[in-house]
Protein backbone atom coordinates (compact mmCIF):
# COMPACT_ATOMS: atom_id res chain seq x y z
CA MET A 1 -22.51 8.55 -10.42
CA ASP A 2 -22.83 11.53 -8.15
CA ALA A 3 -19.68 13.77 -8.34
CA ASN A 4 -19.29 14.22 -4.36
CA ALA A 5 -19.68 10.34 -3.90
CA ALA A 6 -16.62 8.61 -2.39
CA PRO A 7 -14.73 6.73 -5.10
CA SER A 8 -14.62 3.16 -5.25
CA LEU A 9 -11.35 1.00 -4.49
CA THR A 10 -10.98 0.28 -7.84
CA ASP A 11 -11.11 4.31 -8.91
CA LEU A 12 -8.24 4.54 -5.96
CA LEU A 13 -6.03 2.01 -7.45
CA ASN A 14 -6.15 3.25 -10.85
CA HIS A 15 -5.66 6.74 -9.82
CA GLU A 16 -2.67 5.81 -7.45
CA LEU A 17 -1.00 3.35 -9.67
CA GLY A 18 -1.40 4.47 -13.20
CA THR A 19 -3.07 1.40 -14.42
CA ASN A 20 -6.38 0.03 -15.29
CA PHE A 21 -8.01 -2.46 -12.88
CA ILE A 22 -10.23 -5.20 -13.94
CA GLU A 23 -13.92 -4.60 -12.68
CA THR A 24 -14.72 -8.07 -13.51
CA PRO A 25 -11.82 -10.71 -13.48
CA LEU A 26 -10.60 -12.95 -16.47
CA GLN A 27 -11.59 -16.33 -16.43
CA TRP A 28 -8.05 -18.12 -15.70
CA PRO A 29 -8.68 -21.67 -14.34
CA LEU A 30 -8.29 -21.26 -10.46
CA PRO A 31 -10.64 -22.90 -8.12
CA PHE A 32 -9.62 -20.05 -5.26
CA ARG A 33 -9.15 -16.44 -5.52
CA ILE A 34 -8.30 -13.94 -2.96
CA THR A 35 -9.12 -10.09 -3.50
CA PRO A 36 -7.53 -8.52 -0.95
CA CYS A 37 -8.76 -5.29 0.72
CA MET A 38 -12.19 -5.64 -0.82
CA THR A 39 -15.96 -5.77 0.10
CA ASP A 40 -18.22 -9.00 -0.04
CA PRO A 41 -20.75 -7.69 -3.07
CA SER A 42 -22.85 -11.05 -2.44
CA ASN A 43 -24.03 -9.16 1.17
CA ALA A 44 -26.97 -7.07 1.48
CA ASN A 45 -24.96 -4.53 3.67
CA PRO A 46 -21.68 -4.93 1.79
CA THR A 47 -18.56 -5.61 4.27
CA PRO A 48 -15.05 -5.62 4.31
CA GLU A 49 -13.71 -9.24 3.43
CA PRO A 50 -10.95 -10.83 6.02
CA PHE A 51 -8.07 -10.80 3.61
CA HIS A 52 -5.79 -7.67 3.45
CA LEU A 53 -2.69 -6.62 1.39
CA LEU A 54 -0.15 -5.07 3.62
CA THR A 55 2.71 -2.75 2.92
CA CYS A 56 5.36 -5.36 3.37
CA GLY A 57 3.68 -7.28 0.75
CA HIS A 58 2.21 -9.93 2.62
CA ILE A 59 -1.63 -11.03 2.55
CA VAL A 60 -3.09 -11.53 6.03
CA PHE A 61 -6.34 -12.96 7.45
CA ILE A 62 -7.91 -10.96 9.59
CA HIS A 63 -9.33 -12.79 12.66
CA ASP A 64 -11.60 -10.00 14.38
CA GLN A 65 -14.91 -8.68 13.85
CA ASP A 66 -13.84 -5.30 12.35
CA CYS A 67 -12.32 -6.16 8.88
CA HIS A 68 -11.63 -2.77 7.78
CA CYS A 69 -8.42 -1.81 5.93
CA GLY A 70 -5.42 -0.54 8.73
CA PRO A 71 -3.07 2.04 7.86
CA ASN A 72 -0.84 -0.24 6.78
CA CYS A 73 -2.58 -1.64 3.85
CA HIS A 74 -0.69 -1.42 0.68
CA HIS A 75 -3.50 0.58 -1.13
CA THR A 76 -4.36 2.94 1.78
CA ASN A 77 -0.27 3.76 2.40
CA THR A 78 0.28 4.94 -1.28
CA PHE A 79 -3.17 6.91 -0.99
CA THR A 80 -2.03 8.46 2.09
CA GLN A 81 1.53 9.07 1.12
CA SER A 82 0.04 10.62 -2.39
CA GLY A 83 -1.54 13.87 -0.42
CA GLU A 84 -4.35 13.36 -2.72
CA ASN A 85 -6.67 12.83 0.33
CA THR A 86 -5.85 16.37 1.40
CA THR A 87 -5.43 18.10 -1.60
CA THR A 88 -8.67 17.24 -3.17
CA PRO A 89 -10.93 16.19 -0.49
CA GLN A 90 -13.91 15.73 -2.70
CA THR A 91 -12.71 12.99 -5.08
CA HIS A 92 -10.45 11.27 -2.45
CA PRO A 93 -11.95 11.56 0.72
CA HIS A 94 -9.53 11.55 3.82
CA ILE A 95 -8.15 8.24 4.58
CA GLY A 96 -9.53 8.19 8.25
CA ALA A 97 -12.87 8.41 7.12
CA ILE A 98 -12.61 5.00 5.07
CA GLN A 99 -10.35 3.10 7.59
CA ALA A 100 -9.64 1.89 10.80
CA GLN A 101 -6.56 3.39 12.66
CA ASP A 102 -5.22 0.33 14.04
CA THR A 103 -2.31 -1.52 12.57
CA LEU A 104 -2.78 -4.86 11.17
CA TYR A 105 -0.50 -7.59 12.39
CA CYS A 106 1.88 -9.52 10.20
CA GLU A 107 3.13 -13.07 11.51
CA THR A 108 5.21 -13.81 8.60
CA CYS A 109 7.06 -10.66 8.99
CA THR A 110 7.70 -10.75 13.03
CA GLY A 111 7.99 -14.81 12.79
CA ILE A 112 5.88 -14.80 15.81
CA PRO A 113 1.94 -16.29 16.62
CA PHE A 114 -0.33 -12.86 17.22
CA ASP A 115 -1.34 -14.69 20.35
CA LEU A 116 2.28 -15.12 21.89
CA TYR A 117 3.25 -11.66 20.41
CA ILE A 118 0.65 -10.05 22.46
CA ALA A 119 0.94 -11.74 25.69
CA THR A 120 4.25 -10.33 25.62
CA HIS A 121 3.64 -6.97 24.26
CA PRO A 122 0.27 -6.07 25.61
CA PRO A 123 -1.58 -3.15 23.99
CA THR A 124 -1.57 0.19 25.73
CA THR A 125 -3.95 0.65 28.53
CA PHE A 126 -4.99 3.87 30.32
CA SER A 127 -3.48 2.06 33.78
CA LEU A 128 -0.51 0.49 32.17
CA PRO A 129 0.71 2.67 29.17
CA ASN A 130 3.81 1.89 26.90
CA ASN A 131 5.06 2.41 23.24
CA ASN A 132 3.51 -0.58 21.78
CA PRO A 133 0.51 0.84 19.14
CA GLN A 134 -2.83 -0.73 18.67
CA ILE A 135 -2.56 -4.06 16.73
CA ARG A 136 -5.54 -6.26 15.27
CA ARG A 137 -5.58 -9.92 15.42
CA CYS A 138 -4.63 -11.01 12.06
CA LEU A 139 -3.12 -14.30 11.07
CA ALA A 140 -0.90 -15.40 8.36
CA LEU A 141 -2.19 -17.25 5.40
CA THR A 142 -1.10 -20.91 6.44
CA ARG A 143 -2.13 -23.94 4.04
CA THR A 144 -4.08 -24.94 7.22
CA LEU A 145 -6.02 -21.83 7.58
CA LEU A 146 -6.62 -21.43 3.58
CA GLN A 147 -8.08 -25.18 3.16
CA SER A 148 -10.14 -24.55 6.37
CA TYR A 149 -11.52 -21.52 4.80
CA THR A 150 -12.07 -22.80 1.27
CA ASN A 151 -12.78 -26.52 1.82
CA LEU A 152 -10.37 -27.14 -1.19
CA PRO A 153 -8.92 -30.81 -1.56
CA ASN A 154 -4.95 -31.05 -1.81
CA GLU A 155 -5.07 -30.91 -5.64
CA ASP A 156 -7.38 -27.70 -5.98
CA PHE A 157 -5.33 -25.87 -3.53
CA ASN A 158 -2.07 -26.79 -4.88
CA THR A 159 -3.06 -25.30 -8.34
CA SER A 160 -4.32 -22.29 -6.80
CA THR A 161 -0.81 -21.33 -5.31
CA ALA A 162 2.36 -19.83 -7.71
CA PRO A 163 5.28 -21.41 -7.26
CA LEU A 164 8.84 -19.73 -7.23
CA SER A 165 10.30 -18.89 -10.53
CA PHE A 166 13.79 -18.85 -9.94
CA GLY A 167 14.25 -16.53 -12.96
CA GLN A 168 13.16 -19.36 -15.58
CA THR A 169 10.89 -18.94 -18.20
CA LEU A 170 8.03 -21.73 -18.81
CA PRO A 171 5.64 -22.54 -21.68
CA ASN A 172 2.23 -21.69 -21.13
CA SER A 173 2.85 -19.53 -18.12
CA ASN A 174 3.85 -15.78 -17.32
CA ALA A 175 6.58 -15.04 -14.36
CA HIS A 176 4.99 -12.17 -11.93
CA THR A 177 7.22 -10.33 -9.29
CA LEU A 178 5.06 -9.91 -6.32
CA LEU A 179 5.42 -7.06 -3.59
CA CYS A 180 6.50 -10.02 -1.24
CA SER A 181 9.85 -9.95 -3.36
CA HIS A 182 9.27 -13.36 -4.84
CA GLU A 183 8.97 -13.98 -8.55
CA VAL A 184 6.50 -16.69 -9.10
CA PHE A 185 4.76 -18.36 -12.25
CA GLY A 186 1.36 -17.58 -13.07
CA VAL A 187 -1.13 -19.05 -15.90
CA GLU A 188 -0.16 -17.53 -19.16
CA SER A 189 -3.99 -16.21 -19.71
CA ARG A 190 -3.20 -14.43 -16.06
CA PRO A 191 -2.74 -10.77 -16.17
CA CYS A 192 -0.75 -9.08 -13.27
CA ALA A 193 -2.32 -8.87 -9.92
CA VAL A 194 -2.83 -6.49 -6.84
CA ASN A 195 0.18 -7.53 -5.32
CA CYS A 196 2.46 -7.76 -8.48
CA VAL A 197 5.13 -5.03 -7.85
CA GLY A 198 5.19 -1.58 -9.86
CA TRP A 199 3.60 -2.39 -13.00
CA ARG A 200 6.28 -1.13 -15.08
CA ALA A 201 8.63 -3.52 -13.58
CA CYS A 202 6.93 -6.82 -13.47
CA ARG A 203 7.59 -9.42 -16.07
CA GLY A 204 4.14 -10.58 -16.18
CA ARG A 205 3.44 -7.32 -17.89
CA ILE A 206 6.67 -6.92 -19.97
CA ALA A 207 5.80 -10.51 -21.49
CA GLY A 208 2.33 -9.34 -22.70
CA GLY A 209 0.08 -8.44 -19.97
CA GLY A 210 0.13 -4.43 -21.02
CA GLY A 211 -1.24 -2.04 -18.13
CA VAL A 212 -4.06 -4.01 -17.12
CA ARG A 213 -4.24 -5.60 -13.76
CA SER A 214 -6.58 -7.88 -11.87
CA ARG A 215 -8.27 -7.15 -8.31
CA GLU A 216 -7.35 -10.49 -7.20
CA ALA A 217 -3.98 -11.41 -6.09
CA ILE A 218 -1.45 -14.06 -6.83
CA LEU A 219 -1.13 -16.34 -3.91
CA CYS A 220 2.45 -17.08 -3.21
CA GLU A 221 3.59 -20.55 -2.53
CA GLU A 222 6.73 -19.42 -1.04
CA CYS A 223 5.03 -16.99 1.59
CA VAL A 224 2.13 -19.91 2.49
CA GLY A 225 4.96 -22.20 3.31
CA ARG A 226 6.82 -19.66 5.36
CA ALA A 227 3.73 -19.00 7.14
CA GLY A 228 3.64 -22.37 8.02
CA LEU A 229 6.56 -22.72 9.49
CA VAL A 230 5.84 -19.67 11.85
CA TYR A 231 3.43 -21.87 13.76
CA LEU A 232 5.41 -25.21 13.34
CA ARG A 233 8.89 -23.66 15.06
CA PHE A 234 6.75 -22.50 18.04
CA ALA A 235 4.89 -25.66 18.69
CA ARG A 236 8.35 -27.58 18.27
CA GLY A 237 9.24 -25.29 20.88
CA GLU A 238 6.49 -25.95 23.38
CA VAL A 239 7.38 -29.85 22.83
CA GLU A 240 10.72 -29.44 23.51
CA ARG A 241 10.22 -27.12 26.45
CA ALA A 242 7.56 -30.09 27.65
CA VAL A 243 9.87 -32.80 27.01
CA ARG A 244 12.58 -31.24 28.94
CA GLY A 245 10.32 -30.70 32.09
CA TRP A 246 9.47 -34.21 31.94
CA GLU A 247 13.29 -34.98 31.76
CA GLU A 248 13.87 -32.84 34.93
CA GLU A 249 11.13 -34.25 36.85
CA ARG A 250 11.92 -37.55 36.16
CA ASP A 251 15.90 -36.72 37.22
CA GLU A 252 14.41 -35.18 40.27
CA ARG A 253 12.97 -38.36 41.44
CA VAL A 254 15.95 -40.62 40.64
């Protein structure tokens, strides 16, 4: 390998987190897997995949032509804070050269769908400047979005998400503590994931996972449910406003 070549994301993750990420995922029985902040190797010209893990711990789906990482992606933020990108540029190039500069929007954190947020917080323009940073259109991982993307039936989708552990221990499973602050159950043979908390703190590692992580994320069932509530709440609000408008028109006619 060329000593001056830019490091792979796996190399950066291993350097930053002091752990070993698996280049070839283990074969645990899951019908659907997400590798956030990675590129699609099946493409002749590798392009970033739409799933990204943010510093808040949530995984989002970029609904935009540009699927590069943003400054609030978990791995790029850790990389920037480490200072490695400025002290050893040959080994770790400046982060600006390998990522976009706009922030990736998290609907689960704000509780507001992107289209509604951007309508009330328009991006900065030359004629109408404001303090709102440039953000990129990203969607929360709802059940509807994921099933549309994967075409998985309900049964297969359910086995791809990890339920909350509530601090319990079950046979044939390991509990993993995720960056979203939820502890979930995972398949026993599955090591820690890219979205597990610091590798020394996750119960999955303590239970025998060692210092090895998978590049694939554990899909938190609770976060998927909360993402759906974001849209459900505003859909209900639209229905309630329509009903109130109809009642007001009816009362005026009477």
